[in-house]
Amino acid sequence: MKQLLKQVEDMHGSTNDYTINLINRLEEMETTMAVTVNSLIHLRMHMEESRKNLLEMVAEGPEDDTHLLHSEDNNVQNTEVKENVKRGRGRPKGSKNKTKSIDNASAAAQ
């Protein structure tokens, strides 16, 4: 800042409060920019690391986790049915539980 004030004084012969305030604001902006750039650098490093991890996971191939998906889907759906029944709405339209109960009934009939 002192160097910039000196340059202004050399050019204009003196400095006023307005000039000093402008220089202070410029310094604040410079600091903010430096912090922002630093944050962006760290963000980019994390993104590159995440990308690398994702590529490694894709290269390893799919895991057989379909049982988790079905289990999770049923848990969500069963919770939804319970909530709807509590509210007096019955089963949701297109519920897989309907077909499941039909399958169970037909299996019991056989």
C-alpha atoms as a PDB file:
ATOM      1  CA  MET A   1       0.000   0.000   0.000  1.00  0.00           C
ATOM      2  CA  LYS A   2       2.807   2.375   0.844  1.00  0.00           C
ATOM      3  CA  GLN A   3       4.285   1.892  -2.601  1.00  0.00           C
ATOM      4  CA  LEU A   4       0.954   2.674  -4.268  1.00  0.00           C
ATOM      5  CA  LEU A   5       0.483   5.772  -2.078  1.00  0.00           C
ATOM      6  CA  LYS A   6       3.974   6.918  -3.017  1.00  0.00           C
ATOM      7  CA  GLN A   7       3.177   6.489  -6.716  1.00  0.00           C
ATOM      8  CA  VAL A   8      -0.053   8.516  -6.335  1.00  0.00           C
ATOM      9  CA  GLU A   9       1.810  11.256  -4.455  1.00  0.00           C
ATOM     10  CA  ASP A  10       4.503  11.336  -7.126  1.00  0.00           C
ATOM     11  CA  MET A  11       1.888  11.662  -9.883  1.00  0.00           C
ATOM     12  CA  HIS A  12      -0.464  14.145  -8.189  1.00  0.00           C
ATOM     13  CA  GLY A  13       1.639  15.778  -5.527  1.00  0.00           C
ATOM     14  CA  SER A  14      -0.559  14.558  -2.658  1.00  0.00           C
ATOM     15  CA  THR A  15      -3.140  11.988  -1.572  1.00  0.00           C
ATOM     16  CA  ASN A  16      -6.549  12.491  -0.070  1.00  0.00           C
ATOM     17  CA  ASP A  17      -8.865  10.277   2.025  1.00  0.00           C
ATOM     18  CA  TYR A  18     -10.719   9.115  -1.064  1.00  0.00           C
ATOM     19  CA  THR A  19      -7.507   7.832  -2.653  1.00  0.00           C
ATOM     20  CA  ILE A  20      -6.471   6.110   0.584  1.00  0.00           C
ATOM     21  CA  ASN A  21      -9.905   4.463   0.864  1.00  0.00           C
ATOM     22  CA  LEU A  22      -9.688   3.251  -2.726  1.00  0.00           C
ATOM     23  CA  ILE A  23      -6.261   1.763  -2.114  1.00  0.00           C
ATOM     24  CA  ASN A  24      -7.529   0.040   1.051  1.00  0.00           C
ATOM     25  CA  ARG A  25     -10.480  -1.427  -0.842  1.00  0.00           C
ATOM     26  CA  LEU A  26      -8.143  -2.656  -3.580  1.00  0.00           C
ATOM     27  CA  GLU A  27      -6.024  -4.411  -0.961  1.00  0.00           C
ATOM     28  CA  GLU A  28      -9.129  -6.019   0.567  1.00  0.00           C
ATOM     29  CA  MET A  29     -10.227  -7.235  -2.859  1.00  0.00           C
ATOM     30  CA  GLU A  30      -6.762  -8.605  -3.532  1.00  0.00           C
ATOM     31  CA  THR A  31      -6.881 -10.567  -0.269  1.00  0.00           C
ATOM     32  CA  THR A  32     -10.371 -11.861  -1.048  1.00  0.00           C
ATOM     33  CA  MET A  33      -9.246 -12.946  -4.501  1.00  0.00           C
ATOM     34  CA  ALA A  34      -6.238 -14.759  -3.064  1.00  0.00           C
ATOM     35  CA  VAL A  35      -8.475 -16.647  -0.615  1.00  0.00           C
ATOM     36  CA  THR A  36     -10.933 -17.494  -3.400  1.00  0.00           C
ATOM     37  CA  VAL A  37      -8.184 -18.764  -5.684  1.00  0.00           C
ATOM     38  CA  ASN A  38      -6.786 -20.865  -2.859  1.00  0.00           C
ATOM     39  CA  SER A  39     -10.252 -22.352  -2.216  1.00  0.00           C
ATOM     40  CA  LEU A  40     -10.690 -23.106  -5.909  1.00  0.00           C
ATOM     41  CA  ILE A  41      -7.324 -24.865  -6.010  1.00  0.00           C
ATOM     42  CA  HIS A  42      -8.330 -27.071  -3.070  1.00  0.00           C
ATOM     43  CA  LEU A  43     -11.713 -27.761  -4.658  1.00  0.00           C
ATOM     44  CA  ARG A  44     -10.050 -28.797  -7.898  1.00  0.00           C
ATOM     45  CA  MET A  45      -7.720 -31.141  -6.017  1.00  0.00           C
ATOM     46  CA  HIS A  46     -10.701 -32.781  -4.295  1.00  0.00           C
ATOM     47  CA  MET A  47     -12.564 -33.084  -7.584  1.00  0.00           C
ATOM     48  CA  GLU A  48      -9.563 -34.714  -9.246  1.00  0.00           C
ATOM     49  CA  GLU A  49      -9.239 -37.136  -6.344  1.00  0.00           C
ATOM     50  CA  SER A  50     -12.954 -37.974  -6.547  1.00  0.00           C
ATOM     51  CA  ARG A  51     -12.680 -38.470 -10.299  1.00  0.00           C
ATOM     52  CA  LYS A  52      -9.712 -40.786  -9.818  1.00  0.00           C
ATOM     53  CA  ASN A  53     -11.612 -42.807  -7.199  1.00  0.00           C
ATOM     54  CA  LEU A  54     -14.648 -43.032  -9.453  1.00  0.00           C
ATOM     55  CA  LEU A  55     -12.549 -44.231 -12.390  1.00  0.00           C
ATOM     56  CA  GLU A  56     -10.982 -46.883 -10.147  1.00  0.00           C
ATOM     57  CA  MET A  57     -14.418 -48.047  -9.056  1.00  0.00           C
ATOM     58  CA  VAL A  58     -15.601 -48.263 -12.665  1.00  0.00           C
ATOM     59  CA  ALA A  59     -12.460 -50.163 -13.636  1.00  0.00           C
ATOM     60  CA  GLU A  60     -13.060 -52.703 -10.849  1.00  0.00           C
ATOM     61  CA  GLY A  61     -16.442 -53.515 -12.319  1.00  0.00           C
ATOM     62  CA  PRO A  62     -19.886 -53.681 -10.800  1.00  0.00           C
ATOM     63  CA  GLU A  63     -20.434 -55.218  -7.425  1.00  0.00           C
ATOM     64  CA  ASP A  64     -23.328 -57.560  -6.890  1.00  0.00           C
ATOM     65  CA  ASP A  65     -25.338 -55.268  -4.677  1.00  0.00           C
ATOM     66  CA  THR A  66     -28.727 -55.790  -6.293  1.00  0.00           C
ATOM     67  CA  HIS A  67     -29.974 -57.391  -3.084  1.00  0.00           C
ATOM     68  CA  LEU A  68     -29.313 -54.080  -1.328  1.00  0.00           C
ATOM     69  CA  LEU A  69     -31.266 -52.149  -3.932  1.00  0.00           C
ATOM     70  CA  HIS A  70     -34.302 -54.421  -3.683  1.00  0.00           C
ATOM     71  CA  SER A  71     -34.179 -54.439   0.096  1.00  0.00           C
ATOM     72  CA  GLU A  72     -33.877 -50.653   0.244  1.00  0.00           C
ATOM     73  CA  ASP A  73     -36.678 -50.216  -2.313  1.00  0.00           C
ATOM     74  CA  ASN A  74     -39.003 -52.481  -0.331  1.00  0.00           C
ATOM     75  CA  ASN A  75     -38.199 -50.707   2.929  1.00  0.00           C
ATOM     76  CA  VAL A  76     -38.995 -47.328   1.373  1.00  0.00           C
ATOM     77  CA  GLN A  77     -42.177 -48.660  -0.176  1.00  0.00           C
ATOM     78  CA  ASN A  78     -43.328 -50.415   3.003  1.00  0.00           C
ATOM     79  CA  THR A  79     -42.771 -47.202   4.957  1.00  0.00           C
ATOM     80  CA  GLU A  80     -44.766 -45.302   2.342  1.00  0.00           C
ATOM     81  CA  VAL A  81     -47.643 -47.806   2.584  1.00  0.00           C
ATOM     82  CA  LYS A  82     -47.668 -47.576   6.385  1.00  0.00           C
ATOM     83  CA  GLU A  83     -47.727 -43.771   6.251  1.00  0.00           C
ATOM     84  CA  ASN A  84     -50.561 -43.773   3.715  1.00  0.00           C
ATOM     85  CA  VAL A  85     -52.595 -46.260   5.732  1.00  0.00           C
ATOM     86  CA  LYS A  86     -52.141 -44.087   8.827  1.00  0.00           C
ATOM     87  CA  ARG A  87     -53.495 -41.145   6.832  1.00  0.00           C
ATOM     88  CA  GLY A  88     -56.413 -43.224   5.543  1.00  0.00           C
ATOM     89  CA  ARG A  89     -55.240 -43.249   1.949  1.00  0.00           C
ATOM     90  CA  GLY A  90     -54.724 -46.997   1.506  1.00  0.00           C
ATOM     91  CA  ARG A  91     -52.006 -48.349  -0.732  1.00  0.00           C
ATOM     92  CA  PRO A  92     -50.364 -46.077  -3.310  1.00  0.00           C
ATOM     93  CA  LYS A  93     -51.290 -46.621  -6.946  1.00  0.00           C
ATOM     94  CA  GLY A  94     -48.961 -48.951  -8.781  1.00  0.00           C
ATOM     95  CA  SER A  95     -47.592 -50.359  -5.538  1.00  0.00           C
ATOM     96  CA  LYS A  96     -45.318 -53.354  -5.951  1.00  0.00           C
ATOM     97  CA  ASN A  97     -46.780 -54.704  -2.734  1.00  0.00           C
ATOM     98  CA  LYS A  98     -50.053 -55.417  -4.570  1.00  0.00           C
ATOM     99  CA  THR A  99     -48.313 -57.674  -7.062  1.00  0.00           C
ATOM    100  CA  LYS A 100     -46.303 -59.192  -4.256  1.00  0.00           C
ATOM    101  CA  SER A 101     -49.469 -60.114  -2.352  1.00  0.00           C
ATOM    102  CA  ILE A 102     -51.006 -61.509  -5.562  1.00  0.00           C
ATOM    103  CA  ASP A 103     -47.872 -63.600  -6.117  1.00  0.00           C
ATOM    104  CA  ASN A 104     -48.039 -64.838  -2.522  1.00  0.00           C
ATOM    105  CA  ALA A 105     -51.726 -65.705  -2.892  1.00  0.00           C
ATOM    106  CA  SER A 106     -51.150 -67.618  -6.127  1.00  0.00           C
ATOM    107  CA  ALA A 107     -48.202 -69.456  -4.582  1.00  0.00           C
ATOM    108  CA  ALA A 108     -50.346 -70.410  -1.577  1.00  0.00           C
ATOM    109  CA  ALA A 109     -53.121 -71.638  -3.882  1.00  0.00           C
ATOM    110  CA  GLN A 110     -50.736 -73.971  -5.647  1.00  0.00           C
END
